[in-house]
Protein backbone atom coordinates (compact mmCIF):
# COMPACT_ATOMS: atom_id res chain seq x y z
CA MET A 1 90.60 8.34 -92.01
CA TYR A 2 90.82 8.81 -88.22
CA PHE A 3 90.36 5.04 -87.70
CA ASP A 4 93.26 4.34 -90.10
CA GLU A 5 95.49 6.78 -88.20
CA ILE A 6 94.71 5.05 -84.91
CA GLN A 7 95.36 1.62 -86.40
CA GLU A 8 98.69 2.79 -87.83
CA HIS A 9 99.66 4.20 -84.45
CA LEU A 10 98.96 0.87 -82.76
CA LYS A 11 101.41 -1.13 -84.89
CA GLY A 12 104.15 -2.50 -82.67
CA ARG A 13 102.17 -1.76 -79.49
CA HIS A 14 101.58 -4.51 -76.97
CA TRP A 15 99.51 -5.57 -74.00
CA HIS A 16 99.71 -8.29 -71.38
CA ILE A 17 97.21 -11.10 -70.93
CA GLY A 18 97.10 -12.97 -67.67
CA CYS A 19 95.55 -16.05 -66.19
CA TYR A 20 95.52 -16.62 -62.43
CA ILE A 21 95.53 -20.23 -61.24
CA GLU A 22 94.06 -20.08 -57.75
CA GLU A 23 94.89 -23.68 -56.75
CA GLN A 24 98.59 -23.07 -57.35
CA ASP A 25 98.61 -19.34 -56.50
CA GLU A 26 100.27 -18.73 -59.86
CA TYR A 27 99.86 -15.97 -62.42
CA ILE A 28 100.68 -16.97 -66.01
CA GLU A 29 101.12 -14.26 -68.60
CA ALA A 30 101.32 -13.84 -72.37
CA ILE A 31 102.01 -10.73 -74.44
CA GLY A 32 100.06 -9.53 -77.46
CA PHE A 33 101.71 -7.44 -80.18
CA LYS A 34 99.86 -5.54 -82.91
CA ASN A 35 100.93 -6.93 -86.29
CA GLU A 36 101.04 -5.43 -89.79
CA GLN A 37 97.59 -6.84 -90.62
CA GLY A 38 95.97 -5.01 -87.69
CA MET A 39 95.54 -8.20 -85.64
CA TRP A 40 97.23 -9.21 -82.39
CA ASP A 41 99.90 -11.93 -82.23
CA ILE A 42 99.92 -13.61 -78.82
CA PHE A 43 103.26 -14.90 -77.53
CA PHE A 44 104.05 -17.03 -74.50
CA GLU A 45 107.48 -17.70 -73.06
CA ASP A 46 108.10 -19.87 -70.04
CA GLU A 47 111.49 -21.44 -69.43
CA ALA A 48 109.82 -24.41 -67.73
CA GLU A 49 107.82 -25.06 -70.92
CA GLU A 50 110.65 -24.37 -73.37
CA ASP A 51 110.79 -27.95 -74.72
CA PHE A 52 107.05 -28.00 -75.33
CA LEU A 53 106.99 -24.69 -77.17
CA ASN A 54 110.12 -25.30 -79.23
CA LYS A 55 109.22 -28.62 -80.86
CA ASN A 56 110.09 -27.25 -84.29
CA PRO A 57 113.30 -25.18 -84.13
CA GLU A 58 112.94 -24.18 -87.79
CA GLU A 59 109.95 -21.98 -86.95
CA GLN A 60 110.85 -18.33 -86.48
CA ASP A 61 108.03 -17.50 -84.05
CA GLN A 62 108.48 -20.42 -81.70
CA SER A 63 106.46 -18.89 -78.89
CA LEU A 64 103.56 -17.60 -81.04
CA LEU A 65 100.39 -19.16 -79.66
CA PHE A 66 97.75 -17.62 -81.90
CA THR A 67 96.54 -14.45 -83.62
CA VAL A 68 93.32 -12.70 -82.62
CA LYS A 69 91.28 -9.60 -83.42
CA SER A 70 90.58 -8.35 -79.90
CA HIS A 71 91.83 -8.33 -76.32
CA SER A 72 88.78 -10.25 -75.09
CA GLU A 73 89.33 -12.97 -77.70
CA ALA A 74 92.98 -13.20 -76.60
CA GLU A 75 91.99 -13.56 -72.94
CA GLU A 76 89.53 -16.33 -73.75
CA LYS A 77 91.96 -18.27 -75.95
CA PHE A 78 94.85 -17.86 -73.52
CA LYS A 79 92.75 -19.17 -70.64
CA GLN A 80 91.80 -22.18 -72.80
CA PHE A 81 95.50 -22.73 -73.60
CA VAL A 82 96.52 -22.54 -69.93
CA GLU A 83 93.76 -24.85 -68.69
CA GLY A 84 93.59 -27.22 -71.65
CA VAL A 85 97.27 -27.55 -72.53
CA LEU A 86 99.71 -26.06 -70.08
CA LEU A 87 98.22 -27.30 -66.81
CA LYS A 88 97.54 -30.76 -68.26
CA ARG A 89 101.18 -31.03 -69.33
CA ARG A 90 102.32 -30.12 -65.86
CA GLY A 91 100.15 -32.88 -64.44
């Protein structure tokens, strides 16, 4: 019962996930929001990457990257996104 109360309280809460790129002295950040299923939806917005993230304007959650269960999983996946997708696109 106590666990359920905590989970209910967390709905709508958020936290920030960051990735520091030493070579460029840049800090890139995403935000995680607790969803109705008790998972975390991770969003990324960057005006410089707007065209990349908005390929399909019909989608409501255009900046949703992924959904995870934990903060550590979000950090790992976001780092993979930054290094494997974002930095490669930037060249």
